[in-house]
């Protein structure tokens, strides 16, 4: 079973995404900030990370930079989510977004068939 790390300082978003993705066969770990997410990712590397960009303690860009500095996490796919449009060199979803569109992108990045 593939593991997805969801990082968002809004607990409701993490809970909704966790329930949705678990229904679609994924193991989901939720973190409320970038520092905690980095620790969890180092301890148990996920197959993919979905991160909010605007968070306290460590924002999404700092998290992504920190992940890329860890050899075991360097190639883990990352999807960014934010209420504010960003010009990033990675998949991006602007809040609010469709969980089904996010699922399609997750499957694409994990090279899984889209059911």
PDB file of N, CA and C in Angstrom:
ATOM      1  N   UNK A   1       0.850  -1.180   0.000  1.00  0.00           N
ATOM      2  CA  UNK A   1       0.000   0.000   0.000  1.00  0.00           C
ATOM      3  C   UNK A   1       0.890   1.236   0.000  1.00  0.00           C
ATOM      4  N   UNK A   2       0.602   2.151  -0.902  1.00  0.00           N
ATOM      5  CA  UNK A   2       1.374   3.390  -1.010  1.00  0.00           C
ATOM      6  C   UNK A   2       0.998   4.357   0.104  1.00  0.00           C
ATOM      7  N   UNK A   3       2.000   5.115   0.558  1.00  0.00           N
ATOM      8  CA  UNK A   3       1.788   6.078   1.637  1.00  0.00           C
ATOM      9  C   UNK A   3       1.868   7.498   1.095  1.00  0.00           C
ATOM     10  N   UNK A   4       0.896   8.311   1.495  1.00  0.00           N
ATOM     11  CA  UNK A   4       0.863   9.724   1.125  1.00  0.00           C
ATOM     12  C   UNK A   4       0.914  10.548   2.401  1.00  0.00           C
ATOM     13  N   UNK A   5       1.810  11.525   2.422  1.00  0.00           N
ATOM     14  CA  UNK A   5       1.926  12.458   3.543  1.00  0.00           C
ATOM     15  C   UNK A   5       1.189  13.735   3.158  1.00  0.00           C
ATOM     16  N   UNK A   6       0.170  14.091   3.944  1.00  0.00           N
ATOM     17  CA  UNK A   6      -0.592  15.324   3.747  1.00  0.00           C
ATOM     18  C   UNK A   6      -0.111  16.333   4.778  1.00  0.00           C
ATOM     19  N   UNK A   7       0.259  17.530   4.315  1.00  0.00           N
ATOM     20  CA  UNK A   7       0.759  18.572   5.209  1.00  0.00           C
ATOM     21  C   UNK A   7      -0.100  19.811   5.030  1.00  0.00           C
ATOM     22  N   UNK A   8      -0.853  20.152   6.070  1.00  0.00           N
ATOM     23  CA  UNK A   8      -1.703  21.335   6.009  1.00  0.00           C
ATOM     24  C   UNK A   8      -2.015  21.777   7.429  1.00  0.00           C
ATOM     25  N   UNK A   9      -1.881  23.068   7.695  1.00  0.00           N
ATOM     26  CA  UNK A   9      -2.138  23.576   9.044  1.00  0.00           C
ATOM     27  C   UNK A   9      -3.627  23.704   9.346  1.00  0.00           C
ATOM     28  N   UNK A  10      -4.472  23.428   8.369  1.00  0.00           N
ATOM     29  CA  UNK A  10      -5.918  23.406   8.589  1.00  0.00           C
ATOM     30  C   UNK A  10      -6.332  21.954   8.801  1.00  0.00           C
ATOM     31  N   UNK A  11      -6.610  21.558  10.059  1.00  0.00           N
ATOM     32  CA  UNK A  11      -6.914  20.151  10.355  1.00  0.00           C
ATOM     33  C   UNK A  11      -8.056  19.577   9.520  1.00  0.00           C
ATOM     34  N   UNK A  12      -9.066  20.386   9.203  1.00  0.00           N
ATOM     35  CA  UNK A  12     -10.199  19.880   8.424  1.00  0.00           C
ATOM     36  C   UNK A  12      -9.764  19.398   7.043  1.00  0.00           C
ATOM     37  N   UNK A  13      -8.856  20.114   6.420  1.00  0.00           N
ATOM     38  CA  UNK A  13      -8.385  19.713   5.089  1.00  0.00           C
ATOM     39  C   UNK A  13      -7.644  18.390   5.176  1.00  0.00           C
ATOM     40  N   UNK A  14      -6.767  18.261   6.153  1.00  0.00           N
ATOM     41  CA  UNK A  14      -6.043  17.008   6.332  1.00  0.00           C
ATOM     42  C   UNK A  14      -6.970  15.835   6.579  1.00  0.00           C
ATOM     43  N   UNK A  15      -7.980  16.046   7.412  1.00  0.00           N
ATOM     44  CA  UNK A  15      -8.924  14.969   7.736  1.00  0.00           C
ATOM     45  C   UNK A  15      -9.742  14.559   6.515  1.00  0.00           C
ATOM     46  N   UNK A  16     -10.221  15.531   5.757  1.00  0.00           N
ATOM     47  CA  UNK A  16     -11.023  15.223   4.567  1.00  0.00           C
ATOM     48  C   UNK A  16     -10.170  14.487   3.533  1.00  0.00           C
ATOM     49  N   UNK A  17      -8.959  14.984   3.270  1.00  0.00           N
ATOM     50  CA  UNK A  17      -8.087  14.322   2.301  1.00  0.00           C
ATOM     51  C   UNK A  17      -7.703  12.925   2.781  1.00  0.00           C
ATOM     52  N   UNK A  18      -7.455  12.780   4.070  1.00  0.00           N
ATOM     53  CA  UNK A  18      -7.105  11.467   4.604  1.00  0.00           C
ATOM     54  C   UNK A  18      -8.248  10.474   4.361  1.00  0.00           C
ATOM     55  N   UNK A  19      -9.459  10.844   4.712  1.00  0.00           N
ATOM     56  CA  UNK A  19     -10.603   9.953   4.528  1.00  0.00           C
ATOM     57  C   UNK A  19     -10.800   9.613   3.051  1.00  0.00           C
ATOM     58  N   UNK A  20     -10.706  10.615   2.190  1.00  0.00           N
ATOM     59  CA  UNK A  20     -10.900  10.414   0.755  1.00  0.00           C
ATOM     60  C   UNK A  20      -9.840   9.474   0.180  1.00  0.00           C
ATOM     61  N   UNK A  21      -8.576   9.740   0.489  1.00  0.00           N
ATOM     62  CA  UNK A  21      -7.498   8.933  -0.082  1.00  0.00           C
ATOM     63  C   UNK A  21      -7.467   7.520   0.497  1.00  0.00           C
ATOM     64  N   UNK A  22      -7.833   7.368   1.761  1.00  0.00           N
ATOM     65  CA  UNK A  22      -7.902   6.027   2.338  1.00  0.00           C
ATOM     66  C   UNK A  22      -8.997   5.208   1.656  1.00  0.00           C
ATOM     67  N   UNK A  23     -10.093   5.849   1.293  1.00  0.00           N
ATOM     68  CA  UNK A  23     -11.151   5.158   0.552  1.00  0.00           C
ATOM     69  C   UNK A  23     -10.661   4.658  -0.805  1.00  0.00           C
ATOM     70  N   UNK A  24      -9.623   5.311  -1.321  1.00  0.00           N
ATOM     71  CA  UNK A  24      -9.064   4.931  -2.619  1.00  0.00           C
ATOM     72  C   UNK A  24      -7.799   4.077  -2.487  1.00  0.00           C
ATOM     73  N   UNK A  25      -7.594   3.513  -1.300  1.00  0.00           N
ATOM     74  CA  UNK A  25      -6.549   2.510  -1.135  1.00  0.00           C
ATOM     75  C   UNK A  25      -5.179   2.986  -0.706  1.00  0.00           C
ATOM     76  N   UNK A  26      -5.066   4.203  -0.232  1.00  0.00           N
ATOM     77  CA  UNK A  26      -3.774   4.718   0.205  1.00  0.00           C
ATOM     78  C   UNK A  26      -3.680   4.732   1.728  1.00  0.00           C
ATOM     79  N   UNK A  27      -2.465   4.582   2.220  1.00  0.00           N
ATOM     80  CA  UNK A  27      -2.187   4.826   3.628  1.00  0.00           C
ATOM     81  C   UNK A  27      -1.855   6.306   3.705  1.00  0.00           C
ATOM     82  N   UNK A  28      -2.456   7.029   4.645  1.00  0.00           N
ATOM     83  CA  UNK A  28      -2.273   8.474   4.719  1.00  0.00           C
ATOM     84  C   UNK A  28      -1.770   8.871   6.096  1.00  0.00           C
ATOM     85  N   UNK A  29      -0.739   9.695   6.091  1.00  0.00           N
ATOM     86  CA  UNK A  29      -0.199  10.292   7.309  1.00  0.00           C
ATOM     87  C   UNK A  29      -0.448  11.787   7.194  1.00  0.00           C
ATOM     88  N   UNK A  30      -0.931  12.399   8.267  1.00  0.00           N
ATOM     89  CA  UNK A  30      -1.246  13.830   8.248  1.00  0.00           C
ATOM     90  C   UNK A  30      -0.331  14.567   9.202  1.00  0.00           C
ATOM     91  N   UNK A  31       0.124  15.717   8.765  1.00  0.00           N
ATOM     92  CA  UNK A  31       0.959  16.592   9.594  1.00  0.00           C
ATOM     93  C   UNK A  31       0.398  18.005   9.504  1.00  0.00           C
ATOM     94  N   UNK A  32       0.481  18.748  10.617  1.00  0.00           N
ATOM     95  CA  UNK A  32      -0.074  20.098  10.661  1.00  0.00           C
ATOM     96  C   UNK A  32       0.947  21.200  10.386  1.00  0.00           C
ATOM     97  N   UNK A  33       2.217  20.844  10.248  1.00  0.00           N
ATOM     98  CA  UNK A  33       3.224  21.856   9.919  1.00  0.00           C
ATOM     99  C   UNK A  33       4.422  21.213   9.234  1.00  0.00           C
ATOM    100  N   UNK A  34       5.237  22.049   8.608  1.00  0.00           N
ATOM    101  CA  UNK A  34       6.373  21.572   7.838  1.00  0.00           C
ATOM    102  C   UNK A  34       7.429  20.862   8.660  1.00  0.00           C
ATOM    103  N   UNK A  35       7.715  21.345   9.845  1.00  0.00           N
ATOM    104  CA  UNK A  35       8.737  20.694  10.686  1.00  0.00           C
ATOM    105  C   UNK A  35       8.342  19.269  11.038  1.00  0.00           C
ATOM    106  N   UNK A  36       7.095  19.108  11.477  1.00  0.00           N
ATOM    107  CA  UNK A  36       6.600  17.781  11.820  1.00  0.00           C
ATOM    108  C   UNK A  36       6.576  16.885  10.579  1.00  0.00           C
ATOM    109  N   UNK A  37       6.193  17.434   9.448  1.00  0.00           N
ATOM    110  CA  UNK A  37       6.159  16.667   8.204  1.00  0.00           C
ATOM    111  C   UNK A  37       7.546  16.186   7.810  1.00  0.00           C
ATOM    112  N   UNK A  38       8.543  17.045   7.948  1.00  0.00           N
ATOM    113  CA  UNK A  38       9.909  16.657   7.617  1.00  0.00           C
ATOM    114  C   UNK A  38      10.370  15.511   8.516  1.00  0.00           C
ATOM    115  N   UNK A  39      10.082  15.615   9.801  1.00  0.00           N
ATOM    116  CA  UNK A  39      10.450  14.552  10.738  1.00  0.00           C
ATOM    117  C   UNK A  39       9.782  13.232  10.354  1.00  0.00           C
ATOM    118  N   UNK A  40       8.475  13.294  10.085  1.00  0.00           N
ATOM    119  CA  UNK A  40       7.744  12.086   9.709  1.00  0.00           C
ATOM    120  C   UNK A  40       8.271  11.498   8.407  1.00  0.00           C
ATOM    121  N   UNK A  41       8.601  12.353   7.439  1.00  0.00           N
ATOM    122  CA  UNK A  41       9.102  11.875   6.153  1.00  0.00           C
ATOM    123  C   UNK A  41      10.470  11.207   6.299  1.00  0.00           C
ATOM    124  N   UNK A  42      11.322  11.752   7.159  1.00  0.00           N
ATOM    125  CA  UNK A  42      12.639  11.153   7.384  1.00  0.00           C
ATOM    126  C   UNK A  42      12.490   9.802   8.078  1.00  0.00           C
ATOM    127  N   UNK A  43      11.599   9.725   9.073  1.00  0.00           N
ATOM    128  CA  UNK A  43      11.398   8.478   9.821  1.00  0.00           C
ATOM    129  C   UNK A  43      10.780   7.384   8.954  1.00  0.00           C
ATOM    130  N   UNK A  44       9.813   7.734   8.129  1.00  0.00           N
ATOM    131  CA  UNK A  44       9.108   6.774   7.265  1.00  0.00           C
ATOM    132  C   UNK A  44       8.845   7.438   5.922  1.00  0.00           C
ATOM    133  N   UNK A  45       9.779   7.335   4.983  1.00  0.00           N
ATOM    134  CA  UNK A  45       9.615   8.028   3.708  1.00  0.00           C
ATOM    135  C   UNK A  45       8.302   7.663   3.004  1.00  0.00           C
ATOM    136  N   UNK A  46       7.509   8.679   2.660  1.00  0.00           N
ATOM    137  CA  UNK A  46       6.253   8.440   1.942  1.00  0.00           C
ATOM    138  C   UNK A  46       6.525   8.245   0.451  1.00  0.00           C
ATOM    139  N   UNK A  47       5.514   7.781  -0.251  1.00  0.00           N
ATOM    140  CA  UNK A  47       5.617   7.637  -1.701  1.00  0.00           C
ATOM    141  C   UNK A  47       5.316   8.954  -2.410  1.00  0.00           C
ATOM    142  N   UNK A  48       4.570   9.836  -1.725  1.00  0.00           N
ATOM    143  CA  UNK A  48       4.183  11.122  -2.306  1.00  0.00           C
ATOM    144  C   UNK A  48       3.794  12.060  -1.169  1.00  0.00           C
ATOM    145  N   UNK A  49       4.002  13.353  -1.394  1.00  0.00           N
ATOM    146  CA  UNK A  49       3.658  14.373  -0.389  1.00  0.00           C
ATOM    147  C   UNK A  49       2.744  15.412  -1.028  1.00  0.00           C
ATOM    148  N   UNK A  50       1.678  15.758  -0.315  1.00  0.00           N
ATOM    149  CA  UNK A  50       0.794  16.861  -0.697  1.00  0.00           C
ATOM    150  C   UNK A  50       0.956  17.908   0.401  1.00  0.00           C
ATOM    151  N   UNK A  51       1.452  19.088   0.039  1.00  0.00           N
ATOM    152  CA  UNK A  51       1.711  20.098   1.063  1.00  0.00           C
ATOM    153  C   UNK A  51       1.079  21.443   0.749  1.00  0.00           C
ATOM    154  N   UNK A  52       0.530  22.034   1.793  1.00  0.00           N
ATOM    155  CA  UNK A  52       0.085  23.416   1.738  1.00  0.00           C
ATOM    156  C   UNK A  52       1.344  24.273   1.616  1.00  0.00           C
ATOM    157  N   UNK A  53       1.216  25.446   1.038  1.00  0.00           N
ATOM    158  CA  UNK A  53       2.378  26.313   0.883  1.00  0.00           C
ATOM    159  C   UNK A  53       2.467  27.361   1.983  1.00  0.00           C
ATOM    160  N   UNK A  54       1.330  27.741   2.561  1.00  0.00           N
ATOM    161  CA  UNK A  54       1.335  28.790   3.583  1.00  0.00           C
ATOM    162  C   UNK A  54       1.027  28.159   4.939  1.00  0.00           C
ATOM    163  N   UNK A  55       2.085  27.968   5.738  1.00  0.00           N
ATOM    164  CA  UNK A  55       1.940  27.362   7.062  1.00  0.00           C
ATOM    165  C   UNK A  55       2.892  28.050   8.031  1.00  0.00           C
ATOM    166  N   UNK A  56       2.570  28.015   9.316  1.00  0.00           N
ATOM    167  CA  UNK A  56       3.501  28.550  10.314  1.00  0.00           C
ATOM    168  C   UNK A  56       4.655  27.575  10.535  1.00  0.00           C
ATOM    169  N   UNK A  57       5.655  28.020  11.232  1.00  0.00           N
ATOM    170  CA  UNK A  57       6.849  27.243  11.602  1.00  0.00           C
ATOM    171  C   UNK A  57       7.749  26.957  10.406  1.00  0.00           C
ATOM    172  N   UNK A  58       7.239  26.244   9.398  1.00  0.00           N
ATOM    173  CA  UNK A  58       8.003  25.967   8.184  1.00  0.00           C
ATOM    174  C   UNK A  58       6.996  25.925   7.039  1.00  0.00           C
ATOM    175  N   UNK A  59       7.120  26.861   6.092  1.00  0.00           N
ATOM    176  CA  UNK A  59       6.148  26.884   4.998  1.00  0.00           C
ATOM    177  C   UNK A  59       6.474  25.805   3.965  1.00  0.00           C
ATOM    178  N   UNK A  60       5.624  25.705   2.961  1.00  0.00           N
ATOM    179  CA  UNK A  60       5.776  24.666   1.957  1.00  0.00           C
ATOM    180  C   UNK A  60       7.081  24.732   1.190  1.00  0.00           C
ATOM    181  N   UNK A  61       7.524  25.939   0.831  1.00  0.00           N
ATOM    182  CA  UNK A  61       8.791  26.056   0.100  1.00  0.00           C
ATOM    183  C   UNK A  61       9.972  25.606   0.953  1.00  0.00           C
ATOM    184  N   UNK A  62       9.971  25.976   2.221  1.00  0.00           N
ATOM    185  CA  UNK A  62      11.037  25.539   3.121  1.00  0.00           C
ATOM    186  C   UNK A  62      10.998  24.018   3.289  1.00  0.00           C
ATOM    187  N   UNK A  63       9.804  23.463   3.384  1.00  0.00           N
ATOM    188  CA  UNK A  63       9.675  22.017   3.497  1.00  0.00           C
ATOM    189  C   UNK A  63      10.229  21.327   2.257  1.00  0.00           C
ATOM    190  N   UNK A  64       9.842  21.801   1.091  1.00  0.00           N
ATOM    191  CA  UNK A  64      10.318  21.192  -0.156  1.00  0.00           C
ATOM    192  C   UNK A  64      11.833  21.273  -0.248  1.00  0.00           C
ATOM    193  N   UNK A  65      12.418  22.430   0.078  1.00  0.00           N
ATOM    194  CA  UNK A  65      13.881  22.575   0.064  1.00  0.00           C
ATOM    195  C   UNK A  65      14.530  21.603   1.037  1.00  0.00           C
ATOM    196  N   UNK A  66      13.938  21.444   2.220  1.00  0.00           N
ATOM    197  CA  UNK A  66      14.486  20.529   3.225  1.00  0.00           C
ATOM    198  C   UNK A  66      14.369  19.081   2.768  1.00  0.00           C
ATOM    199  N   UNK A  67      13.265  18.736   2.133  1.00  0.00           N
ATOM    200  CA  UNK A  67      13.096  17.372   1.609  1.00  0.00           C
ATOM    201  C   UNK A  67      14.138  17.073   0.543  1.00  0.00           C
ATOM    202  N   UNK A  68      14.382  18.036  -0.329  1.00  0.00           N
ATOM    203  CA  UNK A  68      15.345  17.828  -1.425  1.00  0.00           C
ATOM    204  C   UNK A  68      16.778  17.694  -0.917  1.00  0.00           C
ATOM    205  N   UNK A  69      17.038  18.160   0.306  1.00  0.00           N
ATOM    206  CA  UNK A  69      18.376  18.053   0.893  1.00  0.00           C
ATOM    207  C   UNK A  69      18.631  16.674   1.510  1.00  0.00           C
ATOM    208  N   UNK A  70      17.591  15.863   1.645  1.00  0.00           N
ATOM    209  CA  UNK A  70      17.723  14.520   2.222  1.00  0.00           C
ATOM    210  C   UNK A  70      17.746  13.519   1.068  1.00  0.00           C
ATOM    211  N   UNK A  71      18.863  12.821   0.855  1.00  0.00           N
ATOM    212  CA  UNK A  71      18.964  11.922  -0.307  1.00  0.00           C
ATOM    213  C   UNK A  71      17.807  10.937  -0.445  1.00  0.00           C
ATOM    214  N   UNK A  72      17.324  10.363   0.637  1.00  0.00           N
ATOM    215  CA  UNK A  72      16.246   9.375   0.565  1.00  0.00           C
ATOM    216  C   UNK A  72      14.901   9.999   0.178  1.00  0.00           C
ATOM    217  N   UNK A  73      14.789  11.325   0.277  1.00  0.00           N
ATOM    218  CA  UNK A  73      13.521  12.010  -0.014  1.00  0.00           C
ATOM    219  C   UNK A  73      13.583  12.880  -1.264  1.00  0.00           C
ATOM    220  N   UNK A  74      14.770  12.993  -1.829  1.00  0.00           N
ATOM    221  CA  UNK A  74      15.003  13.910  -2.946  1.00  0.00           C
ATOM    222  C   UNK A  74      14.037  13.690  -4.112  1.00  0.00           C
ATOM    223  N   UNK A  75      13.696  12.441  -4.389  1.00  0.00           N
ATOM    224  CA  UNK A  75      12.868  12.143  -5.558  1.00  0.00           C
ATOM    225  C   UNK A  75      11.413  11.831  -5.238  1.00  0.00           C
ATOM    226  N   UNK A  76      10.998  12.076  -4.001  1.00  0.00           N
ATOM    227  CA  UNK A  76       9.597  11.858  -3.638  1.00  0.00           C
ATOM    228  C   UNK A  76       8.764  12.941  -4.323  1.00  0.00           C
ATOM    229  N   UNK A  77       7.748  12.545  -5.096  1.00  0.00           N
ATOM    230  CA  UNK A  77       6.908  13.557  -5.758  1.00  0.00           C
ATOM    231  C   UNK A  77       6.175  14.429  -4.738  1.00  0.00           C
ATOM    232  N   UNK A  78       6.064  15.718  -5.064  1.00  0.00           N
ATOM    233  CA  UNK A  78       5.381  16.676  -4.204  1.00  0.00           C
ATOM    234  C   UNK A  78       4.314  17.395  -5.015  1.00  0.00           C
ATOM    235  N   UNK A  79       3.137  17.514  -4.417  1.00  0.00           N
ATOM    236  CA  UNK A  79       2.051  18.318  -4.982  1.00  0.00           C
ATOM    237  C   UNK A  79       1.815  19.472  -4.019  1.00  0.00           C
ATOM    238  N   UNK A  80       1.789  20.682  -4.542  1.00  0.00           N
ATOM    239  CA  UNK A  80       1.559  21.871  -3.723  1.00  0.00           C
ATOM    240  C   UNK A  80       0.092  22.272  -3.788  1.00  0.00           C
ATOM    241  N   UNK A  81      -0.432  22.718  -2.636  1.00  0.00           N
ATOM    242  CA  UNK A  81      -1.781  23.277  -2.581  1.00  0.00           C
ATOM    243  C   UNK A  81      -1.715  24.607  -1.836  1.00  0.00           C
ATOM    244  N   UNK A  82      -2.546  25.551  -2.249  1.00  0.00           N
ATOM    245  CA  UNK A  82      -2.552  26.855  -1.595  1.00  0.00           C
ATOM    246  C   UNK A  82      -3.785  27.635  -2.018  1.00  0.00           C
ATOM    247  N   UNK A  83      -4.196  28.541  -1.160  1.00  0.00           N
ATOM    248  CA  UNK A  83      -5.293  29.438  -1.503  1.00  0.00           C
ATOM    249  C   UNK A  83      -4.816  30.543  -2.430  1.00  0.00           C
ATOM    250  N   UNK A  84      -3.505  30.764  -2.478  1.00  0.00           N
ATOM    251  CA  UNK A  84      -2.907  31.814  -3.301  1.00  0.00           C
ATOM    252  C   UNK A  84      -2.196  31.175  -4.487  1.00  0.00           C
ATOM    253  N   UNK A  85      -2.467  31.675  -5.683  1.00  0.00           N
ATOM    254  CA  UNK A  85      -1.837  31.140  -6.885  1.00  0.00           C
ATOM    255  C   UNK A  85      -0.316  31.242  -6.780  1.00  0.00           C
ATOM    256  N   UNK A  86       0.358  30.191  -7.152  1.00  0.00           N
ATOM    257  CA  UNK A  86       1.819  30.149  -7.109  1.00  0.00           C
ATOM    258  C   UNK A  86       2.358  29.727  -8.467  1.00  0.00           C
ATOM    259  N   UNK A  87       3.538  30.225  -8.798  1.00  0.00           N
ATOM    260  CA  UNK A  87       4.238  29.792  -9.998  1.00  0.00           C
ATOM    261  C   UNK A  87       5.353  28.866  -9.534  1.00  0.00           C
ATOM    262  N   UNK A  88       5.064  27.579  -9.545  1.00  0.00           N
ATOM    263  CA  UNK A  88       6.004  26.592  -9.028  1.00  0.00           C
ATOM    264  C   UNK A  88       6.353  25.587 -10.115  1.00  0.00           C
ATOM    265  N   UNK A  89       7.492  24.951  -9.945  1.00  0.00           N
ATOM    266  CA  UNK A  89       7.929  23.931 -10.890  1.00  0.00           C
ATOM    267  C   UNK A  89       7.528  22.547 -10.374  1.00  0.00           C
ATOM    268  N   UNK A  90       6.261  22.429  -9.970  1.00  0.00           N
ATOM    269  CA  UNK A  90       5.714  21.162  -9.517  1.00  0.00           C
ATOM    270  C   UNK A  90       4.201  21.258  -9.595  1.00  0.00           C
ATOM    271  N   UNK A  91       3.507  20.120  -9.550  1.00  0.00           N
ATOM    272  CA  UNK A  91       2.049  20.175  -9.643  1.00  0.00           C
ATOM    273  C   UNK A  91       1.458  21.058  -8.547  1.00  0.00           C
ATOM    274  N   UNK A  92       0.460  21.843  -8.924  1.00  0.00           N
ATOM    275  CA  UNK A  92      -0.130  22.813  -7.998  1.00  0.00           C
ATOM    276  C   UNK A  92      -1.647  22.793  -8.118  1.00  0.00           C
ATOM    277  N   UNK A  93      -2.318  22.822  -6.961  1.00  0.00           N
ATOM    278  CA  UNK A  93      -3.773  22.933  -6.909  1.00  0.00           C
ATOM    279  C   UNK A  93      -4.129  24.129  -6.039  1.00  0.00           C
ATOM    280  N   UNK A  94      -4.992  24.980  -6.583  1.00  0.00           N
ATOM    281  CA  UNK A  94      -5.438  26.145  -5.823  1.00  0.00           C
ATOM    282  C   UNK A  94      -6.687  25.777  -5.029  1.00  0.00           C
ATOM    283  N   UNK A  95      -6.679  26.107  -3.744  1.00  0.00           N
ATOM    284  CA  UNK A  95      -7.834  25.846  -2.885  1.00  0.00           C
ATOM    285  C   UNK A  95      -8.969  26.795  -3.262  1.00  0.00           C
ATOM    286  N   UNK A  96     -10.185  26.345  -3.275  1.00  0.00           N
ATOM    287  CA  UNK A  96     -10.628  24.967  -3.111  1.00  0.00           C
ATOM    288  C   UNK A  96     -10.388  24.189  -4.407  1.00  0.00           C
ATOM    289  N   UNK A  97     -10.145  22.892  -4.286  1.00  0.00           N
ATOM    290  CA  UNK A  97      -9.873  22.053  -5.448  1.00  0.00           C
ATOM    291  C   UNK A  97     -10.700  20.779  -5.341  1.00  0.00           C
ATOM    292  N   UNK A  98     -10.802  20.089  -6.454  1.00  0.00           N
ATOM    293  CA  UNK A  98     -11.541  18.841  -6.496  1.00  0.00           C
ATOM    294  C   UNK A  98     -10.651  17.701  -5.991  1.00  0.00           C
ATOM    295  N   UNK A  99     -11.088  16.941  -4.985  1.00  0.00           N
ATOM    296  CA  UNK A  99     -10.280  15.811  -4.535  1.00  0.00           C
ATOM    297  C   UNK A  99     -10.107  14.769  -5.644  1.00  0.00           C
ATOM    298  N   UNK A 100     -11.062  14.698  -6.574  1.00  0.00           N
ATOM    299  CA  UNK A 100     -10.931  13.744  -7.674  1.00  0.00           C
ATOM    300  C   UNK A 100      -9.827  14.157  -8.640  1.00  0.00           C
ATOM    301  N   UNK A 101      -9.677  15.473  -8.872  1.00  0.00           N
ATOM    302  CA  UNK A 101      -8.573  15.947  -9.707  1.00  0.00           C
ATOM    303  C   UNK A 101      -7.238  15.700  -9.010  1.00  0.00           C
ATOM    304  N   UNK A 102      -7.201  15.894  -7.697  1.00  0.00           N
ATOM    305  CA  UNK A 102      -5.987  15.600  -6.935  1.00  0.00           C
ATOM    306  C   UNK A 102      -5.663  14.117  -7.031  1.00  0.00           C
ATOM    307  N   UNK A 103      -6.655  13.260  -6.903  1.00  0.00           N
ATOM    308  CA  UNK A 103      -6.448  11.813  -7.008  1.00  0.00           C
ATOM    309  C   UNK A 103      -5.882  11.437  -8.372  1.00  0.00           C
ATOM    310  N   UNK A 104      -6.394  12.056  -9.421  1.00  0.00           N
ATOM    311  CA  UNK A 104      -5.878  11.797 -10.772  1.00  0.00           C
ATOM    312  C   UNK A 104      -4.405  12.154 -10.857  1.00  0.00           C
ATOM    313  N   UNK A 105      -4.021  13.298 -10.279  1.00  0.00           N
ATOM    314  CA  UNK A 105      -2.612  13.722 -10.311  1.00  0.00           C
ATOM    315  C   UNK A 105      -1.738  12.795  -9.460  1.00  0.00           C
ATOM    316  N   UNK A 106      -2.240  12.365  -8.311  1.00  0.00           N
ATOM    317  CA  UNK A 106      -1.495  11.429  -7.470  1.00  0.00           C
ATOM    318  C   UNK A 106      -1.226  10.148  -8.250  1.00  0.00           C
ATOM    319  N   UNK A 107      -2.255   9.615  -8.879  1.00  0.00           N
ATOM    320  CA  UNK A 107      -2.089   8.382  -9.652  1.00  0.00           C
ATOM    321  C   UNK A 107      -1.102   8.577 -10.798  1.00  0.00           C
ATOM    322  N   UNK A 108      -1.142   9.743 -11.441  1.00  0.00           N
ATOM    323  CA  UNK A 108      -0.205  10.016 -12.539  1.00  0.00           C
ATOM    324  C   UNK A 108       1.225  10.023 -12.021  1.00  0.00           C
ATOM    325  N   UNK A 109       1.454  10.711 -10.908  1.00  0.00           N
ATOM    326  CA  UNK A 109       2.812  10.818 -10.360  1.00  0.00           C
ATOM    327  C   UNK A 109       3.334   9.484  -9.824  1.00  0.00           C
ATOM    328  N   UNK A 110       2.419   8.639  -9.357  1.00  0.00           N
ATOM    329  CA  UNK A 110       2.818   7.331  -8.846  1.00  0.00           C
ATOM    330  C   UNK A 110       2.773   6.244  -9.928  1.00  0.00           C
ATOM    331  N   UNK A 111       2.518   6.670 -11.156  1.00  0.00           N
ATOM    332  CA  UNK A 111       2.467   5.758 -12.307  1.00  0.00           C
ATOM    333  C   UNK A 111       1.467   4.629 -12.092  1.00  0.00           C
ATOM    334  N   UNK A 112       0.274   5.014 -11.607  1.00  0.00           N
ATOM    335  CA  UNK A 112      -0.797   4.060 -11.380  1.00  0.00           C
ATOM    336  C   UNK A 112      -1.903   4.306 -12.394  1.00  0.00           C
ATOM    337  N   UNK A 113      -2.668   3.268 -12.711  1.00  0.00           N
ATOM    338  CA  UNK A 113      -3.784   3.474 -13.637  1.00  0.00           C
ATOM    339  C   UNK A 113      -4.860   4.342 -13.014  1.00  0.00           C
ATOM    340  N   UNK A 114      -5.491   5.150 -13.820  1.00  0.00           N
ATOM    341  CA  UNK A 114      -6.586   5.998 -13.363  1.00  0.00           C
ATOM    342  C   UNK A 114      -7.880   5.225 -13.579  1.00  0.00           C
ATOM    343  N   UNK A 115      -8.524   4.862 -12.511  1.00  0.00           N
ATOM    344  CA  UNK A 115      -9.729   4.025 -12.593  1.00  0.00           C
ATOM    345  C   UNK A 115     -10.939   4.793 -13.028  1.00  0.00           C
TER     346      UNK A 115
END
